[in-house]
Amino acid sequence: MNGLRDEQAYMKTDLKRRAELLKSEHYNPKALIDHVKKNLGVKRDYELVRIIGFNASVISKVRHKRKLLSAELLLALHDATGIPIKEMKQIIGAGDATSPKPSLQKIESKRRL
Protein backbone atom coordinates (compact mmCIF):
# COMPACT_ATOMS: atom_id res chain seq x y z
CA MET A 1 0.00 0.00 0.00
CA ASN A 2 2.90 2.39 0.68
CA GLY A 3 4.07 1.89 -2.90
CA LEU A 4 0.79 3.23 -4.24
CA ARG A 5 0.96 6.25 -1.94
CA ASP A 6 4.56 6.91 -3.00
CA GLU A 7 3.55 6.71 -6.65
CA GLN A 8 0.60 9.06 -6.14
CA ALA A 9 2.73 11.53 -4.20
CA TYR A 10 5.40 11.47 -6.91
CA MET A 11 2.85 12.04 -9.67
CA LYS A 12 1.16 14.86 -7.74
CA THR A 13 4.52 16.56 -7.12
CA ASP A 14 5.53 16.15 -10.76
CA LEU A 15 2.25 17.62 -12.02
CA LYS A 16 2.59 20.56 -9.63
CA ARG A 17 6.17 21.18 -10.79
CA ARG A 18 5.11 21.09 -14.43
CA ALA A 19 2.21 23.49 -13.84
CA GLU A 20 4.48 25.94 -12.03
CA LEU A 21 7.03 25.80 -14.83
CA LEU A 22 4.42 26.49 -17.51
CA LYS A 23 3.27 29.56 -15.56
CA SER A 24 6.80 30.81 -14.93
CA GLU A 25 7.84 33.95 -16.76
CA HIS A 26 11.39 32.54 -16.96
CA TYR A 27 10.33 29.47 -18.96
CA ASN A 28 10.38 30.64 -22.59
CA PRO A 29 10.13 27.81 -25.12
CA LYS A 30 9.32 30.34 -27.86
CA ALA A 31 12.88 31.68 -27.58
CA LEU A 32 14.33 28.21 -28.14
CA ILE A 33 12.07 27.44 -31.10
CA ASP A 34 12.94 30.78 -32.72
CA HIS A 35 16.66 30.23 -32.06
CA VAL A 36 16.53 26.76 -33.64
CA LYS A 37 14.64 28.09 -36.67
CA LYS A 38 17.23 30.83 -37.13
CA ASN A 39 20.04 28.27 -36.77
CA LEU A 40 18.45 26.07 -39.44
CA GLY A 41 17.61 29.00 -41.72
CA VAL A 42 13.86 28.36 -41.74
CA LYS A 43 11.12 30.93 -41.22
CA ARG A 44 8.04 28.89 -40.36
CA ASP A 45 7.26 26.31 -37.72
CA TYR A 46 5.96 24.07 -40.50
CA GLU A 47 9.44 23.98 -42.06
CA LEU A 48 10.92 23.12 -38.67
CA VAL A 49 8.57 20.21 -38.04
CA ARG A 50 9.36 18.76 -41.45
CA ILE A 51 13.06 18.77 -40.54
CA ILE A 52 12.70 17.29 -37.05
CA GLY A 53 9.81 14.93 -37.79
CA PHE A 54 7.33 16.16 -35.20
CA ASN A 55 3.68 17.08 -35.51
CA ALA A 56 3.05 20.82 -35.97
CA SER A 57 0.57 20.81 -33.09
CA VAL A 58 3.31 19.73 -30.67
CA ILE A 59 5.48 22.70 -31.64
CA SER A 60 2.50 25.04 -31.34
CA LYS A 61 1.56 23.74 -27.89
CA VAL A 62 5.16 24.01 -26.66
CA ARG A 63 5.55 27.50 -28.15
CA HIS A 64 2.39 28.75 -26.42
CA LYS A 65 3.21 27.03 -23.11
CA ARG A 66 0.30 24.60 -23.25
CA LYS A 67 2.74 21.67 -23.16
CA LEU A 68 6.20 21.26 -21.70
CA LEU A 69 9.13 20.68 -23.98
CA SER A 70 9.67 16.91 -23.89
CA ALA A 71 13.04 15.20 -23.79
CA GLU A 72 12.26 13.67 -27.20
CA LEU A 73 11.64 17.08 -28.76
CA LEU A 74 14.73 18.53 -27.09
CA LEU A 75 16.84 15.70 -28.53
CA ALA A 76 15.30 16.13 -31.99
CA LEU A 77 16.17 19.85 -31.91
CA HIS A 78 19.69 18.99 -30.78
CA ASP A 79 20.10 16.38 -33.53
CA ALA A 80 18.92 18.82 -36.18
CA THR A 81 21.10 21.74 -35.07
CA GLY A 82 23.99 20.39 -33.03
CA ILE A 83 23.23 22.97 -30.33
CA PRO A 84 24.32 21.50 -26.98
CA ILE A 85 21.46 20.44 -24.70
CA LYS A 86 22.84 22.60 -21.90
CA GLU A 87 22.74 25.67 -24.14
CA MET A 88 19.17 24.90 -25.21
CA LYS A 89 18.11 24.63 -21.56
CA GLN A 90 19.69 28.01 -20.88
CA ILE A 91 17.86 29.55 -23.84
CA ILE A 92 14.54 28.16 -22.68
CA GLY A 93 15.20 29.22 -19.09
CA ALA A 94 14.17 25.85 -17.69
CA GLY A 95 17.32 24.95 -15.79
CA ASP A 96 17.04 21.22 -15.21
CA ALA A 97 13.29 21.08 -15.86
CA THR A 98 13.66 18.80 -18.85
CA SER A 99 16.10 16.48 -17.13
CA PRO A 100 14.90 12.93 -16.71
CA LYS A 101 13.15 12.33 -13.41
CA PRO A 102 13.78 9.18 -11.37
CA SER A 103 11.44 6.39 -12.26
CA LEU A 104 8.94 5.10 -9.74
CA GLN A 105 10.78 1.78 -9.79
CA LYS A 106 13.93 3.52 -8.54
CA ILE A 107 11.92 5.23 -5.81
CA GLU A 108 10.51 1.85 -4.75
CA SER A 109 13.96 0.23 -4.63
CA LYS A 110 15.37 3.10 -2.56
CA ARG A 111 12.49 2.77 -0.11
CA ARG A 112 13.23 -0.92 0.42
CA LEU A 113 16.89 -0.28 1.27
C-alpha atoms as a PDB file:
ATOM      1  CA  MET A   1       0.000   0.000   0.000  1.00  0.00           C
ATOM      2  CA  ASN A   2       2.902   2.389   0.677  1.00  0.00           C
ATOM      3  CA  GLY A   3       4.073   1.887  -2.904  1.00  0.00           C
ATOM      4  CA  LEU A   4       0.787   3.227  -4.242  1.00  0.00           C
ATOM      5  CA  ARG A   5       0.964   6.247  -1.938  1.00  0.00           C
ATOM      6  CA  ASP A   6       4.562   6.910  -3.003  1.00  0.00           C
ATOM      7  CA  GLU A   7       3.546   6.711  -6.654  1.00  0.00           C
ATOM      8  CA  GLN A   8       0.600   9.060  -6.144  1.00  0.00           C
ATOM      9  CA  ALA A   9       2.732  11.526  -4.199  1.00  0.00           C
ATOM     10  CA  TYR A  10       5.403  11.473  -6.910  1.00  0.00           C
ATOM     11  CA  MET A  11       2.850  12.044  -9.667  1.00  0.00           C
ATOM     12  CA  LYS A  12       1.161  14.861  -7.737  1.00  0.00           C
ATOM     13  CA  THR A  13       4.516  16.563  -7.118  1.00  0.00           C
ATOM     14  CA  ASP A  14       5.532  16.147 -10.759  1.00  0.00           C
ATOM     15  CA  LEU A  15       2.254  17.623 -12.020  1.00  0.00           C
ATOM     16  CA  LYS A  16       2.592  20.557  -9.633  1.00  0.00           C
ATOM     17  CA  ARG A  17       6.173  21.179 -10.792  1.00  0.00           C
ATOM     18  CA  ARG A  18       5.108  21.090 -14.435  1.00  0.00           C
ATOM     19  CA  ALA A  19       2.209  23.486 -13.844  1.00  0.00           C
ATOM     20  CA  GLU A  20       4.485  25.936 -12.027  1.00  0.00           C
ATOM     21  CA  LEU A  21       7.028  25.798 -14.832  1.00  0.00           C
ATOM     22  CA  LEU A  22       4.423  26.488 -17.509  1.00  0.00           C
ATOM     23  CA  LYS A  23       3.265  29.560 -15.561  1.00  0.00           C
ATOM     24  CA  SER A  24       6.796  30.809 -14.935  1.00  0.00           C
ATOM     25  CA  GLU A  25       7.845  33.952 -16.758  1.00  0.00           C
ATOM     26  CA  HIS A  26      11.393  32.535 -16.956  1.00  0.00           C
ATOM     27  CA  TYR A  27      10.327  29.471 -18.960  1.00  0.00           C
ATOM     28  CA  ASN A  28      10.384  30.640 -22.586  1.00  0.00           C
ATOM     29  CA  PRO A  29      10.130  27.807 -25.120  1.00  0.00           C
ATOM     30  CA  LYS A  30       9.324  30.342 -27.864  1.00  0.00           C
ATOM     31  CA  ALA A  31      12.881  31.678 -27.583  1.00  0.00           C
ATOM     32  CA  LEU A  32      14.330  28.215 -28.143  1.00  0.00           C
ATOM     33  CA  ILE A  33      12.071  27.437 -31.104  1.00  0.00           C
ATOM     34  CA  ASP A  34      12.936  30.777 -32.719  1.00  0.00           C
ATOM     35  CA  HIS A  35      16.658  30.227 -32.060  1.00  0.00           C
ATOM     36  CA  VAL A  36      16.534  26.764 -33.638  1.00  0.00           C
ATOM     37  CA  LYS A  37      14.642  28.087 -36.672  1.00  0.00           C
ATOM     38  CA  LYS A  38      17.229  30.829 -37.132  1.00  0.00           C
ATOM     39  CA  ASN A  39      20.040  28.275 -36.771  1.00  0.00           C
ATOM     40  CA  LEU A  40      18.454  26.066 -39.445  1.00  0.00           C
ATOM     41  CA  GLY A  41      17.608  28.999 -41.719  1.00  0.00           C
ATOM     42  CA  VAL A  42      13.860  28.359 -41.739  1.00  0.00           C
ATOM     43  CA  LYS A  43      11.124  30.927 -41.216  1.00  0.00           C
ATOM     44  CA  ARG A  44       8.035  28.894 -40.363  1.00  0.00           C
ATOM     45  CA  ASP A  45       7.256  26.312 -37.715  1.00  0.00           C
ATOM     46  CA  TYR A  46       5.963  24.074 -40.505  1.00  0.00           C
ATOM     47  CA  GLU A  47       9.435  23.977 -42.059  1.00  0.00           C
ATOM     48  CA  LEU A  48      10.923  23.121 -38.674  1.00  0.00           C
ATOM     49  CA  VAL A  49       8.567  20.214 -38.039  1.00  0.00           C
ATOM     50  CA  ARG A  50       9.364  18.756 -41.448  1.00  0.00           C
ATOM     51  CA  ILE A  51      13.056  18.768 -40.537  1.00  0.00           C
ATOM     52  CA  ILE A  52      12.700  17.287 -37.047  1.00  0.00           C
ATOM     53  CA  GLY A  53       9.807  14.932 -37.795  1.00  0.00           C
ATOM     54  CA  PHE A  54       7.333  16.163 -35.196  1.00  0.00           C
ATOM     55  CA  ASN A  55       3.681  17.082 -35.514  1.00  0.00           C
ATOM     56  CA  ALA A  56       3.053  20.823 -35.966  1.00  0.00           C
ATOM     57  CA  SER A  57       0.566  20.808 -33.085  1.00  0.00           C
ATOM     58  CA  VAL A  58       3.309  19.728 -30.671  1.00  0.00           C
ATOM     59  CA  ILE A  59       5.482  22.699 -31.637  1.00  0.00           C
ATOM     60  CA  SER A  60       2.498  25.042 -31.340  1.00  0.00           C
ATOM     61  CA  LYS A  61       1.558  23.739 -27.886  1.00  0.00           C
ATOM     62  CA  VAL A  62       5.161  24.013 -26.660  1.00  0.00           C
ATOM     63  CA  ARG A  63       5.555  27.502 -28.152  1.00  0.00           C
ATOM     64  CA  HIS A  64       2.391  28.755 -26.420  1.00  0.00           C
ATOM     65  CA  LYS A  65       3.210  27.028 -23.105  1.00  0.00           C
ATOM     66  CA  ARG A  66       0.305  24.602 -23.250  1.00  0.00           C
ATOM     67  CA  LYS A  67       2.736  21.667 -23.158  1.00  0.00           C
ATOM     68  CA  LEU A  68       6.202  21.264 -21.699  1.00  0.00           C
ATOM     69  CA  LEU A  69       9.131  20.678 -23.978  1.00  0.00           C
ATOM     70  CA  SER A  70       9.673  16.914 -23.893  1.00  0.00           C
ATOM     71  CA  ALA A  71      13.037  15.197 -23.793  1.00  0.00           C
ATOM     72  CA  GLU A  72      12.261  13.674 -27.200  1.00  0.00           C
ATOM     73  CA  LEU A  73      11.644  17.085 -28.760  1.00  0.00           C
ATOM     74  CA  LEU A  74      14.732  18.528 -27.092  1.00  0.00           C
ATOM     75  CA  LEU A  75      16.843  15.698 -28.535  1.00  0.00           C
ATOM     76  CA  ALA A  76      15.298  16.133 -31.991  1.00  0.00           C
ATOM     77  CA  LEU A  77      16.167  19.846 -31.908  1.00  0.00           C
ATOM     78  CA  HIS A  78      19.687  18.986 -30.777  1.00  0.00           C
ATOM     79  CA  ASP A  79      20.099  16.382 -33.530  1.00  0.00           C
ATOM     80  CA  ALA A  80      18.919  18.825 -36.182  1.00  0.00           C
ATOM     81  CA  THR A  81      21.097  21.735 -35.074  1.00  0.00           C
ATOM     82  CA  GLY A  82      23.990  20.387 -33.031  1.00  0.00           C
ATOM     83  CA  ILE A  83      23.235  22.972 -30.330  1.00  0.00           C
ATOM     84  CA  PRO A  84      24.322  21.497 -26.982  1.00  0.00           C
ATOM     85  CA  ILE A  85      21.457  20.439 -24.698  1.00  0.00           C
ATOM     86  CA  LYS A  86      22.842  22.596 -21.896  1.00  0.00           C
ATOM     87  CA  GLU A  87      22.743  25.667 -24.142  1.00  0.00           C
ATOM     88  CA  MET A  88      19.170  24.898 -25.206  1.00  0.00           C
ATOM     89  CA  LYS A  89      18.114  24.630 -21.556  1.00  0.00           C
ATOM     90  CA  GLN A  90      19.692  28.009 -20.883  1.00  0.00           C
ATOM     91  CA  ILE A  91      17.864  29.551 -23.835  1.00  0.00           C
ATOM     92  CA  ILE A  92      14.538  28.159 -22.681  1.00  0.00           C
ATOM     93  CA  GLY A  93      15.201  29.219 -19.089  1.00  0.00           C
ATOM     94  CA  ALA A  94      14.171  25.850 -17.691  1.00  0.00           C
ATOM     95  CA  GLY A  95      17.325  24.946 -15.794  1.00  0.00           C
ATOM     96  CA  ASP A  96      17.041  21.217 -15.212  1.00  0.00           C
ATOM     97  CA  ALA A  97      13.287  21.079 -15.858  1.00  0.00           C
ATOM     98  CA  THR A  98      13.656  18.799 -18.847  1.00  0.00           C
ATOM     99  CA  SER A  99      16.101  16.482 -17.127  1.00  0.00           C
ATOM    100  CA  PRO A 100      14.900  12.932 -16.707  1.00  0.00           C
ATOM    101  CA  LYS A 101      13.146  12.331 -13.411  1.00  0.00           C
ATOM    102  CA  PRO A 102      13.777   9.177 -11.367  1.00  0.00           C
ATOM    103  CA  SER A 103      11.438   6.392 -12.256  1.00  0.00           C
ATOM    104  CA  LEU A 104       8.941   5.099  -9.738  1.00  0.00           C
ATOM    105  CA  GLN A 105      10.776   1.779  -9.789  1.00  0.00           C
ATOM    106  CA  LYS A 106      13.933   3.521  -8.540  1.00  0.00           C
ATOM    107  CA  ILE A 107      11.925   5.227  -5.808  1.00  0.00           C
ATOM    108  CA  GLU A 108      10.509   1.854  -4.755  1.00  0.00           C
ATOM    109  CA  SER A 109      13.956   0.232  -4.633  1.00  0.00           C
ATOM    110  CA  LYS A 110      15.368   3.103  -2.564  1.00  0.00           C
ATOM    111  CA  ARG A 111      12.487   2.773  -0.109  1.00  0.00           C
ATOM    112  CA  ARG A 112      13.231  -0.917   0.420  1.00  0.00           C
ATOM    113  CA  LEU A 113      16.891  -0.283   1.267  1.00  0.00           C
END
